[in-house]
Protein backbone atom coordinates (compact mmCIF):
# COMPACT_ATOMS: atom_id res chain seq x y z
CA MET A 1 -32.31 -1.90 63.35
CA PHE A 2 -31.34 -0.97 59.81
CA ILE A 3 -33.24 1.48 57.47
CA PHE A 4 -32.07 1.30 53.91
CA LEU A 5 -33.20 3.88 51.38
CA TYR A 6 -32.12 3.30 47.72
CA GLY A 7 -33.11 4.04 44.10
CA PRO A 8 -32.40 6.64 41.37
CA ASP A 9 -34.97 9.25 42.62
CA ASP A 10 -32.45 11.38 44.49
CA TYR A 11 -34.98 14.03 45.69
CA ARG A 12 -37.57 11.66 47.24
CA ARG A 13 -34.83 9.39 48.74
CA ILE A 14 -33.08 12.33 50.34
CA GLN A 15 -36.29 13.89 51.62
CA LYS A 16 -37.16 10.59 53.29
CA LYS A 17 -33.82 10.57 54.92
CA LYS A 18 -34.35 14.11 56.25
CA GLU A 19 -37.70 13.17 57.55
CA ILE A 20 -36.22 10.22 59.54
CA ILE A 21 -33.58 12.40 61.02
CA ALA A 22 -36.00 15.23 61.84
CA GLU A 23 -38.34 12.73 63.63
CA PHE A 24 -35.42 11.42 65.74
CA LYS A 25 -34.51 14.97 66.74
CA LYS A 26 -38.07 15.65 67.86
CA LYS A 27 -37.96 12.74 70.21
CA HIS A 28 -34.38 12.52 71.40
CA SER A 29 -31.40 14.74 72.11
CA ALA A 30 -28.58 15.56 69.79
CA PHE A 31 -26.28 13.21 71.80
CA GLY A 32 -27.82 10.24 70.13
CA LEU A 33 -27.39 11.38 66.62
CA GLY A 34 -24.26 10.65 64.54
CA ILE A 35 -23.71 11.27 60.82
CA PHE A 36 -20.61 9.57 59.30
CA ASP A 37 -19.09 9.76 55.84
CA LEU A 38 -17.39 6.34 55.54
CA GLU A 39 -15.16 7.52 52.70
CA ALA A 40 -13.65 10.23 54.89
CA ASP A 41 -10.50 9.60 56.81
CA GLY A 42 -11.41 8.02 60.11
CA GLY A 43 -15.14 7.76 59.15
CA ILE A 44 -15.46 4.01 59.82
CA ASP A 45 -13.53 4.29 63.12
CA ASN A 46 -15.64 7.26 64.28
CA PHE A 47 -18.80 5.35 63.45
CA LEU A 48 -17.72 2.27 65.36
CA ALA A 49 -16.78 4.37 68.36
CA PHE A 50 -20.20 6.03 68.28
CA ALA A 51 -22.01 2.67 67.99
CA GLY A 52 -20.05 1.15 70.89
CA SER A 53 -20.32 4.12 73.27
CA GLN A 54 -23.06 4.65 75.82
CA SER A 55 -24.23 8.23 76.63
CA ILE A 56 -25.56 9.04 80.00
CA PHE A 57 -27.85 11.73 78.35
CA GLU A 58 -29.40 9.56 75.66
CA THR A 59 -29.99 5.83 75.22
CA ALA A 60 -31.51 5.93 71.76
CA LYS A 61 -29.02 6.35 68.85
CA LEU A 62 -29.44 7.07 65.12
CA ALA A 63 -26.25 6.55 63.04
CA VAL A 64 -26.52 7.97 59.51
CA LEU A 65 -23.98 6.38 57.17
CA GLU A 66 -22.95 8.07 53.97
CA ASN A 67 -20.91 6.41 51.15
CA ALA A 68 -21.26 3.06 52.87
CA PHE A 69 -20.46 0.93 49.95
CA VAL A 70 -16.66 1.63 50.24
CA PRO A 71 -13.99 -0.70 48.75
CA GLU A 72 -13.69 -2.57 52.07
CA ALA A 73 -17.45 -3.15 52.11
CA GLU A 74 -17.16 -6.83 53.06
CA LYS A 75 -15.17 -6.09 56.14
CA LEU A 76 -17.50 -3.24 57.06
CA ALA A 77 -20.68 -5.43 56.58
CA LYS A 78 -19.34 -7.93 59.02
CA MET A 79 -18.86 -5.24 61.55
CA LEU A 80 -22.33 -3.89 60.82
CA LYS A 81 -24.59 -7.02 60.96
CA PRO A 82 -24.25 -7.63 64.71
CA LEU A 83 -25.57 -4.13 65.42
CA ALA A 84 -28.98 -5.11 63.98
CA ALA A 85 -29.64 -6.73 67.41
CA GLU A 86 -28.62 -3.67 69.36
CA LYS A 87 -31.70 -2.30 71.22
CA GLY A 88 -32.23 1.47 70.77
CA THR A 89 -29.78 1.73 67.85
CA THR A 90 -30.99 2.56 64.37
CA ILE A 91 -28.54 2.68 61.41
CA LEU A 92 -29.69 4.63 58.40
CA LEU A 93 -28.25 4.26 54.93
CA ALA A 94 -29.27 6.09 51.79
CA GLU A 95 -27.59 5.09 48.56
CA ARG A 96 -28.57 5.56 45.00
CA GLU A 97 -27.59 2.02 43.98
CA LYS A 98 -28.81 -1.30 45.28
CA PRO A 99 -26.56 -2.96 47.83
CA VAL A 100 -23.27 -4.64 46.85
CA LYS A 101 -23.34 -8.27 47.68
CA ALA A 102 -21.77 -7.91 51.11
CA PHE A 103 -24.62 -5.52 52.12
CA SER A 104 -27.52 -7.70 50.66
CA PHE A 105 -28.84 -8.23 54.21
CA LEU A 106 -30.12 -4.61 54.03
CA LEU A 107 -32.93 -5.87 51.70
CA GLU A 108 -33.91 -8.67 54.11
CA LYS A 109 -35.93 -8.55 57.30
CA PRO A 110 -35.64 -7.26 59.97
CA SER A 111 -34.12 -4.43 57.92
CA LEU A 112 -36.57 -1.86 56.63
CA ALA A 113 -35.79 -1.19 52.94
CA GLN A 114 -37.60 1.33 50.78
CA LYS A 115 -36.86 1.75 47.01
CA PHE A 116 -37.23 5.12 45.25
CA GLU A 117 -37.83 4.53 41.59
CA ASN A 118 -38.35 7.36 39.20
CA LEU A 119 -42.07 8.00 39.06
CA GLU A 120 -44.06 7.70 35.86
CA GLY A 121 -47.71 8.14 34.65
CA PRO A 122 -50.35 9.07 37.23
CA GLU A 123 -48.04 8.80 40.15
CA TRP A 124 -45.64 11.27 38.45
CA GLY A 125 -48.47 13.69 37.91
CA ALA A 126 -49.80 13.27 41.49
CA PHE A 127 -46.23 14.00 42.84
CA ILE A 128 -45.93 17.11 40.84
CA ARG A 129 -49.34 18.42 42.05
CA SER A 130 -48.41 17.49 45.67
CA GLU A 131 -45.09 19.34 45.52
CA ALA A 132 -46.70 22.32 43.97
CA GLN A 133 -49.39 22.43 46.80
CA LYS A 134 -46.72 22.44 49.50
CA ILE A 135 -45.53 25.90 48.18
CA ASP A 136 -49.00 27.25 47.48
CA LEU A 137 -49.13 26.58 43.76
CA ARG A 138 -52.13 25.17 41.95
CA LEU A 139 -51.19 23.66 38.51
CA GLU A 140 -53.59 23.42 35.62
CA GLY A 141 -53.59 20.02 33.82
CA SER A 142 -51.74 21.38 30.84
CA ALA A 143 -48.98 22.75 33.16
CA VAL A 144 -48.62 19.40 34.96
CA GLN A 145 -48.39 17.53 31.76
CA PHE A 146 -45.78 19.91 30.31
CA LEU A 147 -43.63 20.00 33.43
CA GLY A 148 -43.92 16.21 33.73
CA THR A 149 -42.50 15.80 30.16
CA VAL A 150 -39.71 18.27 30.60
CA TYR A 151 -38.44 16.98 34.01
CA GLN A 152 -39.36 13.20 33.59
CA GLY A 153 -36.88 11.23 35.63
CA ASN A 154 -35.50 14.32 37.55
CA SER A 155 -37.65 15.09 40.47
CA TRP A 156 -34.91 17.33 41.97
CA ALA A 157 -34.95 19.63 39.02
CA LEU A 158 -38.75 19.58 38.90
CA VAL A 159 -39.05 20.90 42.54
CA THR A 160 -36.45 23.51 41.86
CA GLU A 161 -38.48 24.78 38.88
CA LEU A 162 -41.65 24.75 41.08
CA GLN A 163 -39.91 26.98 43.59
CA LYS A 164 -38.94 29.43 40.76
CA LEU A 165 -42.51 29.60 39.70
CA SER A 166 -43.72 30.14 43.28
CA ALA A 167 -41.31 33.06 43.70
CA LEU A 168 -42.36 34.41 40.28
CA LYS A 169 -45.99 34.28 41.12
CA ALA A 170 -45.35 35.84 44.53
CA SER A 171 -43.54 38.78 42.89
CA ARG A 172 -46.60 39.36 40.70
CA GLY A 173 -49.16 38.91 43.42
CA ARG A 174 -51.48 41.87 44.19
CA GLY A 175 -53.57 42.63 47.15
CA GLY A 176 -55.34 39.57 48.62
CA GLU A 177 -54.10 37.21 45.97
CA ALA A 178 -51.22 36.05 48.27
CA ALA A 179 -53.80 34.43 50.55
CA HIS A 180 -54.75 31.95 47.92
CA ALA A 181 -52.84 29.33 45.95
CA ALA A 182 -51.40 30.77 42.79
CA THR A 183 -52.73 29.16 39.72
CA VAL A 184 -50.16 28.21 36.96
CA GLU A 185 -51.26 27.58 33.47
CA LYS A 186 -49.20 26.26 30.50
CA GLY A 187 -48.75 29.84 29.26
CA ASP A 188 -47.10 30.86 32.54
CA LEU A 189 -44.23 28.49 31.82
CA ASP A 190 -43.15 30.33 28.64
CA VAL A 191 -41.24 32.92 30.74
CA LEU A 192 -39.04 30.11 32.01
CA ASP A 193 -37.92 29.22 28.43
CA LEU A 194 -38.54 25.49 28.99
CA GLU A 195 -38.57 23.00 26.23
CA ALA A 196 -39.84 19.51 26.40
CA ALA A 197 -37.31 16.82 25.45
CA PRO A 198 -38.11 15.43 22.06
CA ASN A 199 -39.00 11.77 21.81
CA TYR A 200 -35.60 10.29 20.85
CA TRP A 201 -36.77 7.27 18.81
CA ALA A 202 -39.41 9.43 17.03
CA LEU A 203 -36.53 11.62 15.90
CA ILE A 204 -34.56 8.57 14.73
CA ASN A 205 -37.53 7.38 12.71
CA GLY A 206 -37.93 10.83 11.42
CA LEU A 207 -34.49 10.58 9.82
CA LYS A 208 -35.83 7.66 7.83
CA SER A 209 -38.85 9.64 6.62
CA TYR A 210 -39.61 10.05 2.82
CA ASP A 211 -40.19 13.73 3.40
CA ALA A 212 -36.77 15.68 3.33
CA ARG A 213 -38.22 18.38 5.59
CA THR A 214 -39.02 15.92 8.29
CA ARG A 215 -35.50 14.36 8.06
CA LEU A 216 -33.93 17.78 8.39
CA PHE A 217 -36.04 18.71 11.35
CA ALA A 218 -35.26 15.47 13.12
CA LEU A 219 -31.52 16.01 12.44
CA GLU A 220 -31.63 19.49 13.65
CA LYS A 221 -33.21 18.47 16.97
CA LEU A 222 -30.77 15.66 17.47
CA PHE A 223 -27.77 17.90 16.85
CA ALA A 224 -29.35 20.50 19.26
CA ALA A 225 -29.57 17.88 21.95
CA ASN A 226 -25.79 17.27 21.42
CA ASP A 227 -26.41 13.62 20.50
CA PRO A 228 -23.03 12.27 19.27
CA PRO A 229 -23.20 11.88 15.42
CA PRO A 230 -21.32 8.55 15.43
CA LYS A 231 -24.04 7.18 17.62
CA ILE A 232 -26.86 8.44 15.38
CA PHE A 233 -25.10 6.96 12.37
CA ASN A 234 -24.56 3.60 13.95
CA ILE A 235 -28.17 3.34 14.96
CA LEU A 236 -29.27 4.18 11.41
CA ALA A 237 -26.77 1.65 9.97
CA ALA A 238 -28.15 -1.11 12.27
CA GLN A 239 -31.61 -0.38 10.94
CA ALA A 240 -30.64 0.16 7.26
CA GLY A 241 -32.02 -3.12 5.86
CA GLU A 242 -31.62 -2.90 2.04
CA LYS A 243 -29.62 0.25 2.41
CA ILE A 244 -26.63 -1.55 4.23
CA PRO A 245 -24.33 -1.21 1.15
CA ARG A 246 -24.91 2.56 1.08
CA MET A 247 -24.28 2.90 4.81
CA ALA A 248 -21.12 0.80 4.34
CA GLU A 249 -19.90 3.22 1.70
CA TYR A 250 -20.50 6.17 4.18
CA ASP A 251 -18.63 4.30 6.84
CA LEU A 252 -15.69 3.83 4.57
CA ALA A 253 -15.75 7.50 3.66
CA VAL A 254 -15.58 8.56 7.19
CA LYS A 255 -12.75 6.15 8.10
CA SER A 256 -10.72 7.25 5.09
CA GLY A 257 -11.14 10.90 6.16
CA LYS A 258 -13.11 11.93 3.12
CA MET A 259 -16.20 12.83 5.28
CA ASP A 260 -17.07 13.20 8.96
CA TYR A 261 -20.26 11.83 10.61
CA GLU A 262 -22.02 15.28 10.60
CA GLU A 263 -21.53 15.46 6.87
CA VAL A 264 -22.76 11.95 6.34
CA LEU A 265 -25.93 12.57 8.34
CA LEU A 266 -26.60 15.83 6.49
CA ASP A 267 -26.08 14.02 3.12
CA LEU A 268 -28.63 11.37 4.28
CA ALA A 269 -31.15 13.95 5.25
CA ILE A 270 -31.01 15.99 2.02
CA SER A 271 -30.64 13.13 -0.45
């Protein structure tokens, strides 16, 4: 049997992988578990030797394959497919990307495939609360919303931040407070010096505002986020409409060495 875990949410995907391995260890001996990096020298040969061997101590096997989508994927896939029928053998793969063509069978029955997309909306909020509860934190709604905005699309960084909060709350605990879940409010997050990522397209639109202060604020935020000035200019040029001739003049000034993109954007913001 094949179990295939994939998708961009690294934290949840890897946690599921760990859960499967831990569950196997509870029921079976270490002789039946093998972890193989197929990019390492001898990785494929070691895996095939493990899959073809029979231990007198353990009949069930769990082979965990890492970096399975190697350049010789087609050859490896042909070796793997027959193992699906092996009784007592489970092959676990966890990859960020969906399967290359040679491994498309991982998405088909009888394989068990689970996709881990980045969570959004209510599901993202529920995940934040759930992870906080695991480490005895209770988050107020404002704190959930703020953390969700800061770490949208990065569950690993979110969990790391929650662990920092838990340690911070524990260090400030007094008396019997440690027996109860620590409550975290939005104000408690200020000590971590977090800042919600600005809405990118709102800032781009801000550069087109009639108010010079709004344009300068938007430009400052984009520069602070290290957004490449040529990229910002090209987006504005593509949306210039009747101002295309003016943007063409700026483009010529840059290419002739008279200005750079930072100067052009500043000139657009203040003029």
